[in-house]
Amino acid sequence: MRQVPRVEGEAEAEAEHVVQRRSAERGPGVGVLMRDLEPLSARPAALVGAPVYADYNATTPVDPAVLEAMLPFLSVGFGNPSSTHSFGRAARDALTGARSQIAALLDADDPSTIVLTGSGSEADALAIRGAVLASPRLHTGAHVITQATEHPAVLAAVDYLRELHDVRVTVIPVDETGRVEPEAVASAITEQTVLVSVMHANNETGTVQPIAQIAEIAHRHGALMHTDAAQSVGKLPVSVKELGVDLLTVVGHKMYAPKGVGALYVAPGTPLRPVVDGGGQEAGRRAGTENVAYAVGLGVAADLAAQALAAGESERLRRLRDRLHQLLEASLPGRVHLNGHPEHRLPNTLNVSITDARALTVLNDLHDVAASAGSACHAGTDRPSDVLTAMGMSRERALSALRLSLGRWTSPADVACVADRIAAEARPVERLPR
């Protein structure tokens, strides 16, 4: 790795200089002081003295407050929530509290609409397979609509229905920013459509979809609406009422809870066949003794997310994201190209292609920065991202794409360091092979 000399405070000063210059060019009232962008809480030990973490869309550190809340349920609070004695009641009360916290974050009135799962992938499978298998249209030509840049968990669930149950599947294309046109859904939907599944925000580009408009179209034709909100919950205000969805996926490790826990919002009256049969837990929708400690962790993470949103965390991240973009453009003039929608995008996500720089080569040399070239589900593969390819990008541009995602403990100094290191390593290479 090429070493870049750095005097203490040099990167921060350069960041402030660039922002002030850009602010002057764009007019008054645009500049933001560095101190206004500092994290709202102290960073956990895992991030102290470590490489700068810029891969929060892949996973997040467990918030120390989440871990603290979980620990009693890994020791003294060991009861089975289905038991009637005091140990079971304590566990059951903890689950009820967690559901209430998750429901509150999603603006759902009834905590019983929250089904706890072991992952986001399981929640997606339960939503998609469960809704279609419970539909009376299953044996009369059932139809499902999804879109081209979905998470593999969604695409696998619809493939399951197509291959094993002869369900007809329509995959809607996206435009060059990764957005689905609601009119395309309206053109594809039929009276046999059981479900429309469109993710709320893309994990690679951050592009946010017009879910409320799509849900209105689905409901007008008698179809259910599911959205995988793994990336948006906790980063944006998410209201199941405003989105108008019947099913919504939540993932713990994307919002500072542990891996191995997720949730599915199921609107009252939504028919759902369980994917895992057994003891009838989760009101008969998901069998298996609940993981109380992890559910408690997810509940506390939901509370913390609500507090952070109220304190302006989305705006803080948006400003840091834009600062990073500005610094990269200043250091690599004419070579940095945004992938994703310029406005309808997660506040923490910056996906850019750098002309004549192969992303994996840059990342392999960034020993002091942790970032990715796309979804962590496909990390390490030197092939174009399926998401960027679906957006119509050339192979060359897709192979040059970096996904930089910020989070709760990202500071202005971190952003300046990331920009410095990428600029140093993104040296031009020979034209990429086709």
Protein backbone atom coordinates (compact mmCIF):
# COMPACT_ATOMS: atom_id res chain seq x y z
CA MET A 1 0.00 0.00 0.00
CA ARG A 2 1.33 3.45 -0.87
CA GLN A 3 1.73 5.45 2.35
CA VAL A 4 0.28 8.94 2.42
CA PRO A 5 1.99 11.39 4.78
CA ARG A 6 -0.58 12.95 7.06
CA VAL A 7 0.01 15.65 9.64
CA GLU A 8 -2.45 15.54 12.56
CA GLY A 9 -5.45 17.64 11.58
CA GLU A 10 -4.36 17.90 7.94
CA ALA A 11 -7.23 15.79 6.56
CA GLU A 12 -9.77 17.60 8.70
CA ALA A 13 -8.45 20.98 7.57
CA GLU A 14 -8.60 19.92 3.94
CA ALA A 15 -12.16 18.67 4.41
CA GLU A 16 -13.23 21.99 5.91
CA HIS A 17 -11.44 23.92 3.15
CA VAL A 18 -13.20 21.98 0.39
CA VAL A 19 -16.62 22.33 2.01
CA GLN A 20 -16.14 26.06 2.54
CA ARG A 21 -15.06 26.51 -1.08
CA ARG A 22 -18.01 24.48 -2.37
CA SER A 23 -20.37 26.33 -0.06
CA ALA A 24 -19.17 29.65 -1.39
CA GLU A 25 -19.76 28.43 -4.94
CA ARG A 26 -23.30 27.26 -4.11
CA GLY A 27 -24.34 30.26 -2.06
CA PRO A 28 -24.79 31.22 1.61
CA GLY A 29 -26.16 28.94 4.30
CA VAL A 30 -24.72 25.69 2.91
CA GLY A 31 -21.55 25.20 5.00
CA VAL A 32 -21.62 23.03 8.11
CA LEU A 33 -19.13 23.20 10.95
CA MET A 34 -17.17 20.04 11.69
CA ARG A 35 -18.34 19.91 15.30
CA ASP A 36 -21.97 19.72 14.15
CA LEU A 37 -21.22 16.41 12.42
CA GLU A 38 -19.58 14.54 15.28
CA PRO A 39 -21.23 11.26 16.40
CA LEU A 40 -23.93 11.52 19.04
CA SER A 41 -22.33 8.85 21.25
CA ALA A 42 -18.85 7.51 22.00
CA ARG A 43 -17.67 4.82 19.64
CA PRO A 44 -17.51 1.23 20.93
CA ALA A 45 -14.23 -0.47 21.72
CA ALA A 46 -14.31 -2.48 18.48
CA LEU A 47 -13.87 0.72 16.46
CA VAL A 48 -11.17 2.31 18.62
CA GLY A 49 -7.71 2.02 17.08
CA ALA A 50 -9.19 0.04 14.18
CA PRO A 51 -9.43 0.78 10.45
CA VAL A 52 -12.02 3.41 9.59
CA TYR A 53 -15.29 1.54 9.16
CA ALA A 54 -17.24 2.61 6.05
CA ASP A 55 -19.31 -0.54 5.48
CA TYR A 56 -22.35 -0.01 7.72
CA ASN A 57 -24.68 -1.34 5.01
CA ALA A 58 -22.96 -4.72 5.29
CA THR A 59 -23.38 -4.89 9.06
CA THR A 60 -23.22 -2.65 12.09
CA PRO A 61 -21.40 -3.03 15.40
CA VAL A 62 -23.66 -4.04 18.27
CA ASP A 63 -24.42 -0.92 20.25
CA PRO A 64 -23.07 -1.25 23.81
CA ALA A 65 -26.52 -0.42 25.20
CA VAL A 66 -27.99 -3.27 23.16
CA LEU A 67 -25.42 -5.73 24.48
CA GLU A 68 -26.00 -4.59 28.06
CA ALA A 69 -29.75 -5.16 27.74
CA MET A 70 -29.24 -8.64 26.26
CA LEU A 71 -26.81 -10.06 28.81
CA PRO A 72 -29.31 -10.81 31.62
CA PHE A 73 -31.32 -12.99 29.21
CA LEU A 74 -28.22 -15.04 28.49
CA SER A 75 -27.82 -15.83 32.19
CA VAL A 76 -30.51 -15.37 34.83
CA GLY A 77 -33.37 -14.62 32.41
CA PHE A 78 -33.25 -18.02 30.77
CA GLY A 79 -36.95 -18.91 30.87
CA ASN A 80 -38.99 -20.29 28.00
CA PRO A 81 -41.61 -17.68 27.00
CA SER A 82 -44.19 -20.45 26.57
CA SER A 83 -43.84 -21.59 30.20
CA THR A 84 -46.45 -20.50 32.75
CA HIS A 85 -44.17 -20.13 35.78
CA SER A 86 -42.30 -17.00 36.83
CA PHE A 87 -39.26 -17.68 34.64
CA GLY A 88 -41.48 -18.05 31.59
CA ARG A 89 -43.54 -14.98 32.45
CA ALA A 90 -40.40 -12.85 32.73
CA ALA A 91 -39.24 -14.03 29.31
CA ARG A 92 -42.68 -13.49 27.81
CA ASP A 93 -42.85 -9.97 29.23
CA ALA A 94 -39.46 -9.22 27.68
CA LEU A 95 -40.72 -10.37 24.28
CA THR A 96 -43.83 -8.22 24.63
CA GLY A 97 -41.66 -5.22 25.42
CA ALA A 98 -39.41 -5.86 22.43
CA ARG A 99 -42.40 -6.13 20.08
CA SER A 100 -43.71 -2.83 21.42
CA GLN A 101 -40.38 -1.11 20.79
CA ILE A 102 -40.14 -2.45 17.22
CA ALA A 103 -43.76 -1.57 16.50
CA ALA A 104 -43.22 1.97 17.78
CA LEU A 105 -40.26 2.49 15.45
CA LEU A 106 -42.40 1.33 12.50
CA ASP A 107 -45.42 3.45 13.54
CA ALA A 108 -47.48 0.28 13.98
CA ASP A 109 -50.29 0.50 16.53
CA ASP A 110 -50.42 -3.18 17.50
CA PRO A 111 -47.28 -4.92 18.85
CA SER A 112 -48.82 -8.29 17.93
CA THR A 113 -48.20 -7.40 14.26
CA ILE A 114 -44.47 -7.99 14.86
CA VAL A 115 -43.28 -11.54 14.12
CA LEU A 116 -39.77 -12.27 15.37
CA THR A 117 -37.51 -14.21 13.01
CA GLY A 118 -33.94 -15.48 12.89
CA SER A 119 -32.84 -13.20 10.04
CA GLY A 120 -33.95 -10.83 7.33
CA SER A 121 -33.79 -13.63 4.79
CA GLU A 122 -36.22 -15.67 6.87
CA ALA A 123 -38.54 -12.68 7.21
CA ASP A 124 -38.49 -12.20 3.42
CA ALA A 125 -39.24 -15.89 2.86
CA LEU A 126 -42.09 -15.81 5.37
CA ALA A 127 -43.57 -12.70 3.75
CA ILE A 128 -43.32 -13.87 0.16
CA ARG A 129 -43.78 -17.62 0.39
CA GLY A 130 -46.17 -17.32 3.31
CA ALA A 131 -48.48 -14.81 1.62
CA VAL A 132 -48.64 -16.64 -1.71
CA LEU A 133 -49.06 -20.13 -0.23
CA ALA A 134 -51.92 -18.81 1.91
CA SER A 135 -53.71 -17.27 -1.07
CA PRO A 136 -56.78 -18.91 -2.67
CA ARG A 137 -55.24 -17.87 -6.02
CA LEU A 138 -52.34 -20.30 -5.54
CA HIS A 139 -54.02 -23.00 -7.62
CA THR A 140 -55.66 -20.70 -10.16
CA GLY A 141 -52.66 -18.99 -11.74
CA ALA A 142 -51.09 -16.94 -8.92
CA HIS A 143 -48.86 -14.07 -10.00
CA VAL A 144 -46.10 -12.21 -8.11
CA ILE A 145 -44.34 -8.96 -9.04
CA THR A 146 -40.86 -7.94 -7.88
CA GLN A 147 -38.06 -5.83 -9.36
CA ALA A 148 -34.59 -6.34 -10.77
CA THR A 149 -32.37 -4.99 -7.97
CA GLU A 150 -33.92 -6.88 -5.05
CA HIS A 151 -31.88 -8.59 -2.35
CA PRO A 152 -31.08 -12.25 -3.20
CA ALA A 153 -33.38 -13.37 -0.36
CA VAL A 154 -36.39 -11.89 -2.16
CA LEU A 155 -35.36 -13.23 -5.56
CA ALA A 156 -34.79 -16.70 -4.07
CA ALA A 157 -38.24 -16.67 -2.47
CA VAL A 158 -39.98 -15.83 -5.75
CA ASP A 159 -37.86 -18.41 -7.58
CA TYR A 160 -39.03 -21.01 -5.05
CA LEU A 161 -42.65 -20.19 -5.83
CA ARG A 162 -42.03 -20.29 -9.56
CA GLU A 163 -40.13 -23.58 -9.55
CA LEU A 164 -42.18 -25.54 -7.00
CA HIS A 165 -45.66 -24.01 -7.27
CA ASP A 166 -45.83 -22.77 -10.89
CA VAL A 167 -46.38 -19.20 -9.74
CA ARG A 168 -45.94 -16.68 -12.54
CA VAL A 169 -43.32 -14.05 -11.69
CA THR A 170 -42.78 -10.65 -13.29
CA VAL A 171 -39.50 -8.85 -12.61
CA ILE A 172 -39.88 -5.12 -13.26
CA PRO A 173 -36.78 -3.34 -14.66
CA VAL A 174 -35.33 -0.23 -13.04
CA ASP A 175 -34.14 3.02 -14.59
CA GLU A 176 -30.55 4.25 -14.66
CA THR A 177 -30.83 5.48 -11.06
CA GLY A 178 -32.20 2.16 -9.81
CA ARG A 179 -35.78 3.39 -9.34
CA VAL A 180 -38.91 1.45 -10.25
CA GLU A 181 -41.54 3.38 -12.18
CA PRO A 182 -44.94 2.88 -10.52
CA GLU A 183 -46.46 2.89 -13.99
CA ALA A 184 -44.46 -0.24 -14.81
CA VAL A 185 -46.05 -2.00 -11.86
CA ALA A 186 -49.48 -0.80 -12.95
CA SER A 187 -48.87 -2.24 -16.43
CA ALA A 188 -47.73 -5.61 -15.09
CA ILE A 189 -50.34 -6.19 -12.39
CA THR A 190 -53.35 -8.40 -13.04
CA GLU A 191 -56.33 -9.68 -11.08
CA GLN A 192 -54.28 -12.83 -10.39
CA THR A 193 -51.46 -10.89 -8.72
CA VAL A 194 -51.20 -12.03 -5.11
CA LEU A 195 -48.18 -10.02 -3.99
CA VAL A 196 -45.93 -7.14 -5.01
CA SER A 197 -42.50 -7.14 -3.33
CA VAL A 198 -40.26 -4.10 -3.81
CA MET A 199 -37.43 -3.20 -1.43
CA HIS A 200 -37.61 0.15 0.33
CA ALA A 201 -33.95 1.08 -0.19
CA ASN A 202 -31.20 -0.67 -2.11
CA ASN A 203 -28.29 -2.05 -0.12
CA GLU A 204 -25.68 -1.11 -2.75
CA THR A 205 -26.76 2.28 -4.13
CA GLY A 206 -29.11 3.45 -1.39
CA THR A 207 -31.80 4.28 -3.95
CA VAL A 208 -35.19 4.62 -2.23
CA GLN A 209 -38.25 3.30 -4.03
CA PRO A 210 -41.71 4.96 -4.24
CA ILE A 211 -43.28 2.33 -2.00
CA ALA A 212 -46.45 4.24 -1.09
CA GLN A 213 -47.35 4.72 -4.77
CA ILE A 214 -46.64 1.08 -5.58
CA ALA A 215 -48.64 -0.11 -2.56
CA GLU A 216 -51.64 1.93 -3.69
CA ILE A 217 -51.49 0.22 -7.10
CA ALA A 218 -51.20 -3.22 -5.49
CA HIS A 219 -54.16 -2.67 -3.20
CA ARG A 220 -56.28 -1.29 -6.01
CA HIS A 221 -55.94 -4.69 -7.68
CA GLY A 222 -56.45 -6.75 -4.54
CA ALA A 223 -52.77 -7.65 -4.10
CA LEU A 224 -50.66 -7.53 -0.94
CA MET A 225 -47.61 -5.27 -0.67
CA HIS A 226 -44.29 -6.36 0.87
CA THR A 227 -41.17 -4.28 1.26
CA ASP A 228 -37.76 -5.35 2.49
CA ALA A 229 -36.81 -2.37 4.68
CA ALA A 230 -33.57 -3.88 6.00
CA GLN A 231 -31.53 -0.88 4.91
CA SER A 232 -33.98 1.94 5.59
CA VAL A 233 -35.24 1.16 9.10
CA GLY A 234 -33.19 3.24 11.50
CA LYS A 235 -31.70 5.41 8.74
CA LEU A 236 -34.97 7.02 7.66
CA PRO A 237 -38.32 7.48 9.39
CA VAL A 238 -40.29 4.38 8.34
CA SER A 239 -44.05 4.29 8.89
CA VAL A 240 -46.06 1.26 7.84
CA LYS A 241 -49.08 3.56 7.76
CA GLU A 242 -47.53 6.07 5.38
CA LEU A 243 -45.99 3.38 3.18
CA GLY A 244 -49.27 1.47 3.12
CA VAL A 245 -47.57 -1.93 3.25
CA ASP A 246 -49.00 -5.24 4.44
CA LEU A 247 -45.63 -6.84 5.15
CA LEU A 248 -42.29 -5.22 6.05
CA THR A 249 -38.93 -6.82 6.79
CA VAL A 250 -36.60 -5.60 9.57
CA VAL A 251 -33.02 -6.86 10.08
CA GLY A 252 -31.27 -6.58 13.43
CA HIS A 253 -27.64 -6.42 12.36
CA LYS A 254 -28.31 -3.51 10.00
CA MET A 255 -29.42 -1.37 12.99
CA TYR A 256 -26.86 -2.09 15.74
CA ALA A 257 -28.45 -5.30 17.06
CA PRO A 258 -26.81 -8.73 16.71
CA LYS A 259 -26.82 -10.95 13.66
CA GLY A 260 -29.34 -13.76 13.89
CA VAL A 261 -32.47 -11.74 14.65
CA GLY A 262 -35.01 -10.00 12.46
CA ALA A 263 -38.70 -9.21 12.36
CA LEU A 264 -41.60 -9.13 9.97
CA TYR A 265 -44.42 -6.64 10.30
CA VAL A 266 -47.68 -8.34 9.32
CA ALA A 267 -50.68 -6.06 8.98
CA PRO A 268 -53.83 -7.21 10.83
CA GLY A 269 -55.84 -9.67 8.76
CA THR A 270 -53.00 -10.53 6.37
CA PRO A 271 -53.14 -14.27 5.58
CA LEU A 272 -49.79 -15.97 6.07
CA ARG A 273 -48.74 -19.61 5.95
CA PRO A 274 -45.73 -20.37 8.20
CA VAL A 275 -42.48 -21.37 6.54
CA VAL A 276 -41.39 -23.15 9.75
CA ASP A 277 -44.07 -25.38 11.27
CA GLY A 278 -44.01 -26.71 14.80
CA GLY A 279 -45.03 -25.48 18.22
CA GLY A 280 -47.16 -22.56 17.14
CA GLN A 281 -45.04 -19.72 18.51
CA GLU A 282 -45.42 -16.19 17.17
CA ALA A 283 -49.21 -16.63 16.99
CA GLY A 284 -48.75 -19.67 14.75
CA ARG A 285 -46.75 -17.75 12.16
CA ARG A 286 -43.23 -18.92 13.02
CA ALA A 287 -42.47 -22.03 15.07
CA GLY A 288 -39.50 -22.37 17.39
CA THR A 289 -38.78 -21.16 20.91
CA GLU A 290 -38.08 -17.45 20.67
CA ASN A 291 -34.55 -16.13 21.15
CA VAL A 292 -35.42 -13.78 24.02
CA ALA A 293 -31.98 -12.21 24.42
CA TYR A 294 -31.73 -11.30 20.74
CA ALA A 295 -35.33 -10.08 20.63
CA VAL A 296 -34.57 -7.80 23.59
CA GLY A 297 -31.50 -6.56 21.72
CA LEU A 298 -33.57 -5.77 18.64
CA GLY A 299 -36.11 -3.94 20.78
CA VAL A 300 -33.48 -1.76 22.42
CA ALA A 301 -31.89 -1.13 19.00
CA ALA A 302 -35.29 0.06 17.78
CA ASP A 303 -35.53 2.45 20.74
CA LEU A 304 -32.05 3.80 20.07
CA ALA A 305 -32.86 4.24 16.39
CA ALA A 306 -35.98 6.23 17.24
CA GLN A 307 -33.95 8.47 19.56
CA ALA A 308 -31.24 8.99 16.93
CA LEU A 309 -33.76 9.88 14.24
CA ALA A 310 -35.40 12.40 16.57
CA ALA A 311 -31.96 13.92 17.26
CA GLY A 312 -31.25 14.49 13.56
CA GLU A 313 -29.02 11.52 12.79
CA SER A 314 -30.31 11.20 9.21
CA GLU A 315 -29.32 14.78 8.44
CA ARG A 316 -25.91 14.35 10.09
CA LEU A 317 -25.20 11.29 7.95
CA ARG A 318 -26.46 12.99 4.81
CA ARG A 319 -24.05 15.87 5.35
CA LEU A 320 -21.14 13.52 6.01
CA ARG A 321 -22.04 11.51 2.90
CA ASP A 322 -22.11 14.64 0.77
CA ARG A 323 -18.85 15.86 2.29
CA LEU A 324 -17.21 12.56 1.34
CA HIS A 325 -18.53 12.89 -2.20
CA GLN A 326 -17.16 16.44 -2.44
CA LEU A 327 -13.73 15.43 -1.17
CA LEU A 328 -13.48 12.57 -3.64
CA GLU A 329 -14.49 14.82 -6.52
CA ALA A 330 -11.94 17.43 -5.45
CA SER A 331 -9.14 14.86 -5.20
CA LEU A 332 -10.07 12.93 -8.37
CA PRO A 333 -11.47 15.62 -10.69
CA GLY A 334 -13.59 14.27 -13.53
CA ARG A 335 -13.19 10.64 -12.42
CA VAL A 336 -15.92 10.23 -9.77
CA HIS A 337 -19.41 9.25 -10.96
CA LEU A 338 -22.44 8.75 -8.70
CA ASN A 339 -24.36 5.48 -8.94
CA GLY A 340 -27.93 5.67 -7.68
CA HIS A 341 -30.55 8.37 -7.39
CA PRO A 342 -29.09 11.81 -6.54
CA GLU A 343 -32.04 12.70 -4.27
CA HIS A 344 -34.09 9.60 -3.42
CA ARG A 345 -31.26 7.87 -1.60
CA LEU A 346 -30.32 6.69 1.89
CA PRO A 347 -28.59 9.46 3.82
CA ASN A 348 -25.60 7.29 4.68
CA THR A 349 -24.85 5.65 1.32
CA LEU A 350 -22.44 6.77 -1.40
CA ASN A 351 -21.85 4.47 -4.36
CA VAL A 352 -19.40 5.91 -6.87
CA SER A 353 -17.44 4.62 -9.83
CA ILE A 354 -13.93 5.95 -10.26
CA THR A 355 -12.82 6.03 -13.88
CA ASP A 356 -9.85 3.77 -14.68
CA ALA A 357 -9.62 2.29 -11.18
CA ARG A 358 -10.69 -1.27 -10.44
CA ALA A 359 -12.66 -1.29 -7.18
CA LEU A 360 -11.29 -4.56 -5.78
CA THR A 361 -7.70 -3.42 -6.35
CA VAL A 362 -8.38 -0.19 -4.50
CA LEU A 363 -10.10 -2.02 -1.63
CA ASN A 364 -7.33 -4.59 -1.29
CA ASP A 365 -4.85 -1.74 -0.75
CA LEU A 366 -7.00 0.11 1.79
CA HIS A 367 -5.69 -1.62 4.89
CA ASP A 368 -6.76 1.27 7.10
CA VAL A 369 -10.27 1.64 5.63
CA ALA A 370 -13.03 -0.99 5.58
CA ALA A 371 -15.38 -0.53 2.61
CA SER A 372 -16.84 -2.68 -0.15
CA ALA A 373 -17.42 -2.91 -3.87
CA GLY A 374 -21.09 -3.82 -3.42
CA SER A 375 -23.26 -6.20 -1.45
CA ALA A 376 -21.46 -8.17 1.26
CA CYS A 377 -23.42 -11.18 0.01
CA HIS A 378 -21.16 -11.17 -3.08
CA ALA A 379 -17.96 -9.77 -1.55
CA GLY A 380 -14.66 -10.78 -3.10
CA THR A 381 -16.05 -11.66 -6.51
CA ASP A 382 -14.45 -9.75 -9.37
CA ARG A 383 -17.57 -9.51 -11.47
CA PRO A 384 -19.95 -6.66 -12.13
CA SER A 385 -22.63 -6.05 -9.52
CA ASP A 386 -26.01 -7.45 -10.54
CA VAL A 387 -27.60 -4.27 -9.18
CA LEU A 388 -25.44 -1.93 -11.25
CA THR A 389 -25.83 -4.16 -14.30
CA ALA A 390 -29.62 -4.00 -13.92
CA MET A 391 -29.27 -0.21 -13.91
CA GLY A 392 -27.73 -0.42 -17.39
CA MET A 393 -24.11 0.30 -16.43
CA SER A 394 -21.21 -0.85 -18.53
CA ARG A 395 -19.03 -3.64 -17.15
CA GLU A 396 -16.14 -1.20 -16.87
CA ARG A 397 -18.08 1.29 -14.77
CA ALA A 398 -19.60 -1.42 -12.58
CA LEU A 399 -16.17 -2.93 -11.83
CA SER A 400 -14.99 0.54 -10.78
CA ALA A 401 -17.77 1.03 -8.21
CA LEU A 402 -17.16 1.52 -4.49
CA ARG A 403 -19.91 1.38 -1.88
CA LEU A 404 -19.15 3.67 1.05
CA SER A 405 -21.71 3.51 3.83
CA LEU A 406 -21.53 5.59 7.00
CA GLY A 407 -23.11 5.07 10.38
CA ARG A 408 -23.62 5.95 14.03
CA TRP A 409 -19.94 6.42 14.86
CA THR A 410 -18.68 7.95 11.61
CA SER A 411 -16.92 11.28 12.28
CA PRO A 412 -15.74 14.09 10.00
CA ALA A 413 -12.18 12.88 10.57
CA ASP A 414 -13.20 9.40 9.37
CA VAL A 415 -14.72 10.86 6.21
CA ALA A 416 -11.58 12.87 5.50
CA CYS A 417 -9.41 9.79 6.04
CA VAL A 418 -11.54 7.64 3.72
CA ALA A 419 -11.34 10.27 0.99
CA ASP A 420 -7.57 10.65 1.42
CA ARG A 421 -6.90 6.93 1.25
CA ILE A 422 -9.16 6.24 -1.72
CA ALA A 423 -7.66 9.15 -3.66
CA ALA A 424 -4.18 7.80 -2.96
CA GLU A 425 -4.99 4.26 -4.05
CA ALA A 426 -7.28 4.99 -7.02
CA ARG A 427 -4.40 5.43 -9.41
CA PRO A 428 -5.36 4.98 -13.06
CA VAL A 429 -4.89 1.53 -14.53
CA GLU A 430 -5.01 0.19 -18.03
CA ARG A 431 -8.49 0.01 -19.47
CA LEU A 432 -10.49 -2.77 -17.80
CA PRO A 433 -11.06 -5.94 -19.85
CA ARG A 434 -14.50 -6.43 -21.36
